[in-house]
Amino acid sequence: MPGSPFAVPSIATNRLKEDLIKAGIYDAFSDIFNSSEIGYAKPSIEIFSFVITRLQLNPNEIIFIDDSESYVSVAKSLGINAFRYFNLSTLRSDLSEILR
């Protein structure tokens, strides 16, 4: 989806920005929602509500991918298209339906 925001909610330390810069991927994200900065952490409903509000999108316009079933379940409860990551093949299959 060219031109779509690419954001990440993370339960990370206050070094996340520095770590992403060192990895050379900081500029790949339009927004970074770091729990240590915003005060909410996955799997709370509050972090997902915060992200929805900040991105100014409807929940069904958001795709969330995580390897934790509890995080995915909370996101789904808000209407977010959420997928549990098992492997790349499964993820491709999961996303193929929604990205048509």
PDB file of N, CA and C in Angstrom:
ATOM      1  N   MET A   1       0.822  -1.173   0.000  1.00  0.00           N
ATOM      2  CA  MET A   1       0.000   0.000   0.000  1.00  0.00           C
ATOM      3  C   MET A   1       0.872   1.244   0.000  1.00  0.00           C
ATOM      4  N   PRO A   2       1.336   1.671  -1.119  1.00  0.00           N
ATOM      5  CA  PRO A   2       2.194   2.853  -1.175  1.00  0.00           C
ATOM      6  C   PRO A   2       1.512   4.062  -0.575  1.00  0.00           C
ATOM      7  N   GLY A   3       2.267   4.816   0.184  1.00  0.00           N
ATOM      8  CA  GLY A   3       1.744   6.031   0.795  1.00  0.00           C
ATOM      9  C   GLY A   3       1.009   5.789   2.096  1.00  0.00           C
ATOM     10  N   SER A   4       0.837   4.527   2.496  1.00  0.00           N
ATOM     11  CA  SER A   4       0.168   4.220   3.757  1.00  0.00           C
ATOM     12  C   SER A   4       1.149   4.383   4.904  1.00  0.00           C
ATOM     13  N   PRO A   5       0.630   4.813   6.066  1.00  0.00           N
ATOM     14  CA  PRO A   5       1.529   4.918   7.225  1.00  0.00           C
ATOM     15  C   PRO A   5       2.044   3.541   7.625  1.00  0.00           C
ATOM     16  N   PHE A   6       3.256   3.499   8.101  1.00  0.00           N
ATOM     17  CA  PHE A   6       3.863   2.265   8.582  1.00  0.00           C
ATOM     18  C   PHE A   6       4.360   2.574   9.982  1.00  0.00           C
ATOM     19  N   ALA A   7       3.598   2.115  10.975  1.00  0.00           N
ATOM     20  CA  ALA A   7       3.889   2.467  12.359  1.00  0.00           C
ATOM     21  C   ALA A   7       4.169   1.209  13.172  1.00  0.00           C
ATOM     22  N   VAL A   8       4.769   1.409  14.331  1.00  0.00           N
ATOM     23  CA  VAL A   8       5.071   0.287  15.206  1.00  0.00           C
ATOM     24  C   VAL A   8       4.735   0.652  16.649  1.00  0.00           C
ATOM     25  N   PRO A   9       3.868  -0.165  17.300  1.00  0.00           N
ATOM     26  CA  PRO A   9       3.711  -0.025  18.745  1.00  0.00           C
ATOM     27  C   PRO A   9       4.708  -0.977  19.414  1.00  0.00           C
ATOM     28  N   SER A  10       5.436  -0.507  20.402  1.00  0.00           N
ATOM     29  CA  SER A  10       6.481  -1.325  20.995  1.00  0.00           C
ATOM     30  C   SER A  10       6.520  -1.162  22.505  1.00  0.00           C
ATOM     31  N   ILE A  11       6.758  -2.259  23.195  1.00  0.00           N
ATOM     32  CA  ILE A  11       7.013  -2.193  24.622  1.00  0.00           C
ATOM     33  C   ILE A  11       8.533  -2.247  24.794  1.00  0.00           C
ATOM     34  N   ALA A  12       9.135  -1.089  24.590  1.00  0.00           N
ATOM     35  CA  ALA A  12      10.594  -0.998  24.580  1.00  0.00           C
ATOM     36  C   ALA A  12      11.067   0.037  25.598  1.00  0.00           C
ATOM     37  N   THR A  13      12.359   0.093  25.758  1.00  0.00           N
ATOM     38  CA  THR A  13      12.954   1.089  26.645  1.00  0.00           C
ATOM     39  C   THR A  13      13.040   2.430  25.923  1.00  0.00           C
ATOM     40  N   ASN A  14      13.521   3.424  26.638  1.00  0.00           N
ATOM     41  CA  ASN A  14      13.675   4.751  26.041  1.00  0.00           C
ATOM     42  C   ASN A  14      14.828   4.793  25.031  1.00  0.00           C
ATOM     43  N   ARG A  15      15.487   3.670  24.792  1.00  0.00           N
ATOM     44  CA  ARG A  15      16.567   3.593  23.794  1.00  0.00           C
ATOM     45  C   ARG A  15      16.065   3.131  22.429  1.00  0.00           C
ATOM     46  N   LEU A  16      14.758   2.918  22.278  1.00  0.00           N
ATOM     47  CA  LEU A  16      14.229   2.368  21.033  1.00  0.00           C
ATOM     48  C   LEU A  16      14.614   3.210  19.824  1.00  0.00           C
ATOM     49  N   LYS A  17      14.418   4.513  19.899  1.00  0.00           N
ATOM     50  CA  LYS A  17      14.737   5.370  18.755  1.00  0.00           C
ATOM     51  C   LYS A  17      16.209   5.221  18.379  1.00  0.00           C
ATOM     52  N   GLU A  18      17.080   5.274  19.351  1.00  0.00           N
ATOM     53  CA  GLU A  18      18.516   5.118  19.097  1.00  0.00           C
ATOM     54  C   GLU A  18      18.823   3.756  18.479  1.00  0.00           C
ATOM     55  N   ASP A  19      18.178   2.712  18.974  1.00  0.00           N
ATOM     56  CA  ASP A  19      18.402   1.366  18.438  1.00  0.00           C
ATOM     57  C   ASP A  19      17.944   1.259  16.981  1.00  0.00           C
ATOM     58  N   LEU A  20      16.792   1.860  16.660  1.00  0.00           N
ATOM     59  CA  LEU A  20      16.283   1.821  15.290  1.00  0.00           C
ATOM     60  C   LEU A  20      17.168   2.634  14.345  1.00  0.00           C
ATOM     61  N   ILE A  21      17.692   3.752  14.829  1.00  0.00           N
ATOM     62  CA  ILE A  21      18.620   4.558  14.028  1.00  0.00           C
ATOM     63  C   ILE A  21      19.887   3.745  13.735  1.00  0.00           C
ATOM     64  N   LYS A  22      20.446   3.107  14.762  1.00  0.00           N
ATOM     65  CA  LYS A  22      21.650   2.287  14.580  1.00  0.00           C
ATOM     66  C   LYS A  22      21.411   1.146  13.596  1.00  0.00           C
ATOM     67  N   ALA A  23      20.197   0.599  13.613  1.00  0.00           N
ATOM     68  CA  ALA A  23      19.859  -0.503  12.705  1.00  0.00           C
ATOM     69  C   ALA A  23      19.566  -0.002  11.292  1.00  0.00           C
ATOM     70  N   GLY A  24      19.466   1.320  11.137  1.00  0.00           N
ATOM     71  CA  GLY A  24      19.215   1.900   9.820  1.00  0.00           C
ATOM     72  C   GLY A  24      17.772   1.801   9.358  1.00  0.00           C
ATOM     73  N   ILE A  25      16.837   1.604  10.296  1.00  0.00           N
ATOM     74  CA  ILE A  25      15.431   1.446   9.892  1.00  0.00           C
ATOM     75  C   ILE A  25      14.493   2.477  10.519  1.00  0.00           C
ATOM     76  N   TYR A  26      15.021   3.413  11.261  1.00  0.00           N
ATOM     77  CA  TYR A  26      14.161   4.401  11.927  1.00  0.00           C
ATOM     78  C   TYR A  26      13.281   5.154  10.928  1.00  0.00           C
ATOM     79  N   ASP A  27      13.825   5.551   9.812  1.00  0.00           N
ATOM     80  CA  ASP A  27      13.077   6.339   8.823  1.00  0.00           C
ATOM     81  C   ASP A  27      12.038   5.519   8.058  1.00  0.00           C
ATOM     82  N   ALA A  28      12.011   4.211   8.266  1.00  0.00           N
ATOM     83  CA  ALA A  28      11.012   3.373   7.600  1.00  0.00           C
ATOM     84  C   ALA A  28       9.623   3.536   8.223  1.00  0.00           C
ATOM     85  N   PHE A  29       9.577   4.088   9.426  1.00  0.00           N
ATOM     86  CA  PHE A  29       8.314   4.201  10.147  1.00  0.00           C
ATOM     87  C   PHE A  29       7.782   5.633  10.118  1.00  0.00           C
ATOM     88  N   SER A  30       6.473   5.749   9.889  1.00  0.00           N
ATOM     89  CA  SER A  30       5.842   7.069   9.954  1.00  0.00           C
ATOM     90  C   SER A  30       5.585   7.459  11.405  1.00  0.00           C
ATOM     91  N   ASP A  31       5.373   6.477  12.259  1.00  0.00           N
ATOM     92  CA  ASP A  31       5.158   6.705  13.692  1.00  0.00           C
ATOM     93  C   ASP A  31       5.726   5.541  14.474  1.00  0.00           C
ATOM     94  N   ILE A  32       6.219   5.846  15.657  1.00  0.00           N
ATOM     95  CA  ILE A  32       6.688   4.822  16.585  1.00  0.00           C
ATOM     96  C   ILE A  32       6.006   5.106  17.910  1.00  0.00           C
ATOM     97  N   PHE A  33       5.262   4.129  18.402  1.00  0.00           N
ATOM     98  CA  PHE A  33       4.532   4.270  19.649  1.00  0.00           C
ATOM     99  C   PHE A  33       5.232   3.426  20.703  1.00  0.00           C
ATOM    100  N   ASN A  34       6.102   4.065  21.457  1.00  0.00           N
ATOM    101  CA  ASN A  34       6.917   3.387  22.449  1.00  0.00           C
ATOM    102  C   ASN A  34       6.237   3.490  23.810  1.00  0.00           C
ATOM    103  N   SER A  35       5.944   2.345  24.410  1.00  0.00           N
ATOM    104  CA  SER A  35       5.247   2.326  25.690  1.00  0.00           C
ATOM    105  C   SER A  35       5.977   3.126  26.769  1.00  0.00           C
ATOM    106  N   SER A  36       7.293   3.160  26.719  1.00  0.00           N
ATOM    107  CA  SER A  36       8.037   3.903  27.736  1.00  0.00           C
ATOM    108  C   SER A  36       7.860   5.409  27.589  1.00  0.00           C
ATOM    109  N   GLU A  37       7.372   5.850  26.434  1.00  0.00           N
ATOM    110  CA  GLU A  37       7.139   7.279  26.219  1.00  0.00           C
ATOM    111  C   GLU A  37       5.663   7.661  26.323  1.00  0.00           C
ATOM    112  N   ILE A  38       4.754   6.777  25.903  1.00  0.00           N
ATOM    113  CA  ILE A  38       3.333   7.143  25.898  1.00  0.00           C
ATOM    114  C   ILE A  38       2.576   6.661  27.133  1.00  0.00           C
ATOM    115  N   GLY A  39       3.164   5.761  27.905  1.00  0.00           N
ATOM    116  CA  GLY A  39       2.550   5.332  29.152  1.00  0.00           C
ATOM    117  C   GLY A  39       1.567   4.184  29.047  1.00  0.00           C
ATOM    118  N   TYR A  40       1.394   3.605  27.871  1.00  0.00           N
ATOM    119  CA  TYR A  40       0.536   2.448  27.685  1.00  0.00           C
ATOM    120  C   TYR A  40       1.366   1.333  27.068  1.00  0.00           C
ATOM    121  N   ALA A  41       1.025   0.112  27.407  1.00  0.00           N
ATOM    122  CA  ALA A  41       1.778  -1.016  26.870  1.00  0.00           C
ATOM    123  C   ALA A  41       0.831  -2.076  26.333  1.00  0.00           C
ATOM    124  N   LYS A  42       1.309  -2.795  25.314  1.00  0.00           N
ATOM    125  CA  LYS A  42       0.557  -3.943  24.831  1.00  0.00           C
ATOM    126  C   LYS A  42       0.492  -4.949  25.979  1.00  0.00           C
ATOM    127  N   PRO A  43      -0.572  -5.618  26.190  1.00  0.00           N
ATOM    128  CA  PRO A  43      -1.766  -5.748  25.379  1.00  0.00           C
ATOM    129  C   PRO A  43      -2.934  -4.864  25.832  1.00  0.00           C
ATOM    130  N   SER A  44      -2.672  -3.761  26.491  1.00  0.00           N
ATOM    131  CA  SER A  44      -3.783  -2.930  26.964  1.00  0.00           C
ATOM    132  C   SER A  44      -4.572  -2.331  25.804  1.00  0.00           C
ATOM    133  N   ILE A  45      -5.848  -2.194  26.008  1.00  0.00           N
ATOM    134  CA  ILE A  45      -6.708  -1.553  25.009  1.00  0.00           C
ATOM    135  C   ILE A  45      -6.246  -0.119  24.790  1.00  0.00           C
ATOM    136  N   GLU A  46      -5.737   0.513  25.834  1.00  0.00           N
ATOM    137  CA  GLU A  46      -5.332   1.923  25.747  1.00  0.00           C
ATOM    138  C   GLU A  46      -4.261   2.180  24.697  1.00  0.00           C
ATOM    139  N   ILE A  47      -3.282   1.295  24.561  1.00  0.00           N
ATOM    140  CA  ILE A  47      -2.243   1.545  23.556  1.00  0.00           C
ATOM    141  C   ILE A  47      -2.819   1.457  22.143  1.00  0.00           C
ATOM    142  N   PHE A  48      -3.712   0.502  21.929  1.00  0.00           N
ATOM    143  CA  PHE A  48      -4.313   0.383  20.601  1.00  0.00           C
ATOM    144  C   PHE A  48      -5.241   1.559  20.316  1.00  0.00           C
ATOM    145  N   SER A  49      -5.991   1.995  21.321  1.00  0.00           N
ATOM    146  CA  SER A  49      -6.858   3.178  21.157  1.00  0.00           C
ATOM    147  C   SER A  49      -6.019   4.422  20.879  1.00  0.00           C
ATOM    148  N   PHE A  50      -4.892   4.550  21.562  1.00  0.00           N
ATOM    149  CA  PHE A  50      -3.973   5.663  21.345  1.00  0.00           C
ATOM    150  C   PHE A  50      -3.465   5.666  19.905  1.00  0.00           C
ATOM    151  N   VAL A  51      -3.075   4.507  19.420  1.00  0.00           N
ATOM    152  CA  VAL A  51      -2.556   4.385  18.052  1.00  0.00           C
ATOM    153  C   VAL A  51      -3.649   4.740  17.032  1.00  0.00           C
ATOM    154  N   ILE A  52      -4.847   4.213  17.236  1.00  0.00           N
ATOM    155  CA  ILE A  52      -5.963   4.509  16.331  1.00  0.00           C
ATOM    156  C   ILE A  52      -6.201   6.011  16.259  1.00  0.00           C
ATOM    157  N   THR A  53      -6.240   6.656  17.416  1.00  0.00           N
ATOM    158  CA  THR A  53      -6.478   8.103  17.471  1.00  0.00           C
ATOM    159  C   THR A  53      -5.346   8.874  16.815  1.00  0.00           C
ATOM    160  N   ARG A  54      -4.117   8.524  17.127  1.00  0.00           N
ATOM    161  CA  ARG A  54      -2.957   9.240  16.591  1.00  0.00           C
ATOM    162  C   ARG A  54      -2.849   9.097  15.083  1.00  0.00           C
ATOM    163  N   LEU A  55      -3.149   7.910  14.569  1.00  0.00           N
ATOM    164  CA  LEU A  55      -3.061   7.687  13.126  1.00  0.00           C
ATOM    165  C   LEU A  55      -4.263   8.265  12.376  1.00  0.00           C
ATOM    166  N   GLN A  56      -5.303   8.597  13.116  1.00  0.00           N
ATOM    167  CA  GLN A  56      -6.529   9.142  12.528  1.00  0.00           C
ATOM    168  C   GLN A  56      -7.086   8.197  11.455  1.00  0.00           C
ATOM    169  N   LEU A  57      -7.152   6.923  11.831  1.00  0.00           N
ATOM    170  CA  LEU A  57      -7.677   5.893  10.948  1.00  0.00           C
ATOM    171  C   LEU A  57      -8.802   5.147  11.658  1.00  0.00           C
ATOM    172  N   ASN A  58      -9.665   4.521  10.882  1.00  0.00           N
ATOM    173  CA  ASN A  58     -10.637   3.605  11.455  1.00  0.00           C
ATOM    174  C   ASN A  58      -9.894   2.314  11.786  1.00  0.00           C
ATOM    175  N   PRO A  59     -10.304   1.612  12.834  1.00  0.00           N
ATOM    176  CA  PRO A  59      -9.609   0.366  13.186  1.00  0.00           C
ATOM    177  C   PRO A  59      -9.492  -0.621  12.024  1.00  0.00           C
ATOM    178  N   ASN A  60     -10.521  -0.697  11.174  1.00  0.00           N
ATOM    179  CA  ASN A  60     -10.467  -1.653  10.064  1.00  0.00           C
ATOM    180  C   ASN A  60      -9.510  -1.227   8.952  1.00  0.00           C
ATOM    181  N   GLU A  61      -8.903  -0.048   9.081  1.00  0.00           N
ATOM    182  CA  GLU A  61      -7.890   0.417   8.124  1.00  0.00           C
ATOM    183  C   GLU A  61      -6.475   0.098   8.605  1.00  0.00           C
ATOM    184  N   ILE A  62      -6.382  -0.532   9.754  1.00  0.00           N
ATOM    185  CA  ILE A  62      -5.081  -0.813  10.377  1.00  0.00           C
ATOM    186  C   ILE A  62      -4.803  -2.308  10.313  1.00  0.00           C
ATOM    187  N   ILE A  63      -3.555  -2.645  10.026  1.00  0.00           N
ATOM    188  CA  ILE A  63      -3.086  -4.030  10.079  1.00  0.00           C
ATOM    189  C   ILE A  63      -2.067  -4.114  11.206  1.00  0.00           C
ATOM    190  N   PHE A  64      -2.280  -5.059  12.110  1.00  0.00           N
ATOM    191  CA  PHE A  64      -1.370  -5.267  13.236  1.00  0.00           C
ATOM    192  C   PHE A  64      -0.864  -6.703  13.179  1.00  0.00           C
ATOM    193  N   ILE A  65       0.446  -6.869  13.304  1.00  0.00           N
ATOM    194  CA  ILE A  65       1.068  -8.187  13.254  1.00  0.00           C
ATOM    195  C   ILE A  65       1.927  -8.353  14.505  1.00  0.00           C
ATOM    196  N   ASP A  66       1.756  -9.473  15.203  1.00  0.00           N
ATOM    197  CA  ASP A  66       2.544  -9.717  16.409  1.00  0.00           C
ATOM    198  C   ASP A  66       2.622 -11.223  16.619  1.00  0.00           C
ATOM    199  N   ASP A  67       3.610 -11.654  17.367  1.00  0.00           N
ATOM    200  CA  ASP A  67       3.729 -13.084  17.640  1.00  0.00           C
ATOM    201  C   ASP A  67       3.017 -13.487  18.924  1.00  0.00           C
ATOM    202  N   SER A  68       2.390 -12.537  19.602  1.00  0.00           N
ATOM    203  CA  SER A  68       1.680 -12.818  20.844  1.00  0.00           C
ATOM    204  C   SER A  68       0.168 -12.879  20.594  1.00  0.00           C
ATOM    205  N   GLU A  69      -0.431 -14.005  20.913  1.00  0.00           N
ATOM    206  CA  GLU A  69      -1.874 -14.170  20.720  1.00  0.00           C
ATOM    207  C   GLU A  69      -2.669 -13.170  21.549  1.00  0.00           C
ATOM    208  N   SER A  70      -2.211 -12.868  22.769  1.00  0.00           N
ATOM    209  CA  SER A  70      -2.964 -11.925  23.602  1.00  0.00           C
ATOM    210  C   SER A  70      -2.968 -10.526  22.992  1.00  0.00           C
ATOM    211  N   TYR A  71      -1.874 -10.094  22.390  1.00  0.00           N
ATOM    212  CA  TYR A  71      -1.818  -8.782  21.748  1.00  0.00           C
ATOM    213  C   TYR A  71      -2.749  -8.745  20.533  1.00  0.00           C
ATOM    214  N   VAL A  72      -2.709  -9.820  19.756  1.00  0.00           N
ATOM    215  CA  VAL A  72      -3.547  -9.919  18.563  1.00  0.00           C
ATOM    216  C   VAL A  72      -5.027  -9.922  18.955  1.00  0.00           C
ATOM    217  N   SER A  73      -5.377 -10.639  20.007  1.00  0.00           N
ATOM    218  CA  SER A  73      -6.770 -10.706  20.456  1.00  0.00           C
ATOM    219  C   SER A  73      -7.304  -9.342  20.865  1.00  0.00           C
ATOM    220  N   VAL A  74      -6.512  -8.572  21.595  1.00  0.00           N
ATOM    221  CA  VAL A  74      -6.953  -7.241  22.010  1.00  0.00           C
ATOM    222  C   VAL A  74      -7.140  -6.342  20.791  1.00  0.00           C
ATOM    223  N   ALA A  75      -6.197  -6.380  19.870  1.00  0.00           N
ATOM    224  CA  ALA A  75      -6.320  -5.568  18.656  1.00  0.00           C
ATOM    225  C   ALA A  75      -7.583  -5.941  17.881  1.00  0.00           C
ATOM    226  N   LYS A  76      -7.839  -7.236  17.742  1.00  0.00           N
ATOM    227  CA  LYS A  76      -9.035  -7.695  17.036  1.00  0.00           C
ATOM    228  C   LYS A  76     -10.304  -7.224  17.729  1.00  0.00           C
ATOM    229  N   SER A  77     -10.290  -7.173  19.062  1.00  0.00           N
ATOM    230  CA  SER A  77     -11.487  -6.761  19.801  1.00  0.00           C
ATOM    231  C   SER A  77     -11.871  -5.316  19.500  1.00  0.00           C
ATOM    232  N   LEU A  78     -10.912  -4.532  19.009  1.00  0.00           N
ATOM    233  CA  LEU A  78     -11.173  -3.136  18.643  1.00  0.00           C
ATOM    234  C   LEU A  78     -11.480  -2.974  17.159  1.00  0.00           C
ATOM    235  N   GLY A  79     -11.500  -4.066  16.425  1.00  0.00           N
ATOM    236  CA  GLY A  79     -11.800  -4.003  14.996  1.00  0.00           C
ATOM    237  C   GLY A  79     -10.588  -3.860  14.101  1.00  0.00           C
ATOM    238  N   ILE A  80      -9.411  -3.990  14.675  1.00  0.00           N
ATOM    239  CA  ILE A  80      -8.164  -3.917  13.903  1.00  0.00           C
ATOM    240  C   ILE A  80      -7.942  -5.256  13.200  1.00  0.00           C
ATOM    241  N   ASN A  81      -7.467  -5.206  11.970  1.00  0.00           N
ATOM    242  CA  ASN A  81      -7.082  -6.421  11.247  1.00  0.00           C
ATOM    243  C   ASN A  81      -5.784  -6.918  11.873  1.00  0.00           C
ATOM    244  N   ALA A  82      -5.881  -7.917  12.722  1.00  0.00           N
ATOM    245  CA  ALA A  82      -4.715  -8.372  13.473  1.00  0.00           C
ATOM    246  C   ALA A  82      -4.393  -9.822  13.139  1.00  0.00           C
ATOM    247  N   PHE A  83      -3.108 -10.088  13.006  1.00  0.00           N
ATOM    248  CA  PHE A  83      -2.638 -11.406  12.618  1.00  0.00           C
ATOM    249  C   PHE A  83      -1.496 -11.835  13.526  1.00  0.00           C
ATOM    250  N   ARG A  84      -1.538 -13.100  13.924  1.00  0.00           N
ATOM    251  CA  ARG A  84      -0.430 -13.645  14.702  1.00  0.00           C
ATOM    252  C   ARG A  84       0.644 -14.128  13.740  1.00  0.00           C
ATOM    253  N   TYR A  85       1.870 -13.722  14.014  1.00  0.00           N
ATOM    254  CA  TYR A  85       3.000 -14.120  13.170  1.00  0.00           C
ATOM    255  C   TYR A  85       3.525 -15.474  13.630  1.00  0.00           C
ATOM    256  N   PHE A  86       3.534 -16.421  12.702  1.00  0.00           N
ATOM    257  CA  PHE A  86       4.137 -17.727  12.941  1.00  0.00           C
ATOM    258  C   PHE A  86       5.377 -17.892  12.070  1.00  0.00           C
ATOM    259  N   ASN A  87       5.221 -17.537  10.785  1.00  0.00           N
ATOM    260  CA  ASN A  87       6.320 -17.603   9.837  1.00  0.00           C
ATOM    261  C   ASN A  87       5.927 -16.762   8.629  1.00  0.00           C
ATOM    262  N   LEU A  88       6.865 -16.514   7.754  1.00  0.00           N
ATOM    263  CA  LEU A  88       6.626 -15.641   6.611  1.00  0.00           C
ATOM    264  C   LEU A  88       5.567 -16.205   5.665  1.00  0.00           C
ATOM    265  N   SER A  89       5.575 -17.491   5.458  1.00  0.00           N
ATOM    266  CA  SER A  89       4.609 -18.111   4.558  1.00  0.00           C
ATOM    267  C   SER A  89       3.174 -17.911   5.062  1.00  0.00           C
ATOM    268  N   THR A  90       2.956 -18.140   6.338  1.00  0.00           N
ATOM    269  CA  THR A  90       1.631 -17.960   6.927  1.00  0.00           C
ATOM    270  C   THR A  90       1.221 -16.498   6.884  1.00  0.00           C
ATOM    271  N   LEU A  91       2.145 -15.608   7.164  1.00  0.00           N
ATOM    272  CA  LEU A  91       1.833 -14.181   7.128  1.00  0.00           C
ATOM    273  C   LEU A  91       1.429 -13.744   5.723  1.00  0.00           C
ATOM    274  N   ARG A  92       2.163 -14.193   4.723  1.00  0.00           N
ATOM    275  CA  ARG A  92       1.802 -13.857   3.335  1.00  0.00           C
ATOM    276  C   ARG A  92       0.386 -14.318   3.025  1.00  0.00           C
ATOM    277  N   SER A  93       0.059 -15.510   3.445  1.00  0.00           N
ATOM    278  CA  SER A  93      -1.267 -16.054   3.209  1.00  0.00           C
ATOM    279  C   SER A  93      -2.332 -15.227   3.938  1.00  0.00           C
ATOM    280  N   ASP A  94      -2.080 -14.894   5.198  1.00  0.00           N
ATOM    281  CA  ASP A  94      -3.020 -14.085   5.984  1.00  0.00           C
ATOM    282  C   ASP A  94      -3.255 -12.730   5.338  1.00  0.00           C
ATOM    283  N   LEU A  95      -2.177 -12.107   4.892  1.00  0.00           N
ATOM    284  CA  LEU A  95      -2.287 -10.746   4.341  1.00  0.00           C
ATOM    285  C   LEU A  95      -2.828 -10.711   2.910  1.00  0.00           C
ATOM    286  N   SER A  96      -2.677 -11.812   2.186  1.00  0.00           N
ATOM    287  CA  SER A  96      -3.109 -11.804   0.785  1.00  0.00           C
ATOM    288  C   SER A  96      -4.593 -11.484   0.649  1.00  0.00           C
ATOM    289  N   GLU A  97      -5.398 -11.965   1.560  1.00  0.00           N
ATOM    290  CA  GLU A  97      -6.839 -11.719   1.507  1.00  0.00           C
ATOM    291  C   GLU A  97      -7.152 -10.249   1.752  1.00  0.00           C
ATOM    292  N   ILE A  98      -6.517  -9.653   2.713  1.00  0.00           N
ATOM    293  CA  ILE A  98      -6.851  -8.273   3.090  1.00  0.00           C
ATOM    294  C   ILE A  98      -6.214  -7.240   2.159  1.00  0.00           C
ATOM    295  N   LEU A  99      -5.134  -7.566   1.514  1.00  0.00           N
ATOM    296  CA  LEU A  99      -4.432  -6.593   0.677  1.00  0.00           C
ATOM    297  C   LEU A  99      -4.852  -6.647  -0.783  1.00  0.00           C
ATOM    298  N   ARG A 100      -5.868  -7.376  -1.098  1.00  0.00           N
ATOM    299  CA  ARG A 100      -6.353  -7.442  -2.493  1.00  0.00           C
ATOM    300  C   ARG A 100      -6.927  -6.133  -2.920  1.00  0.00           C
TER     301      ARG A 100
END
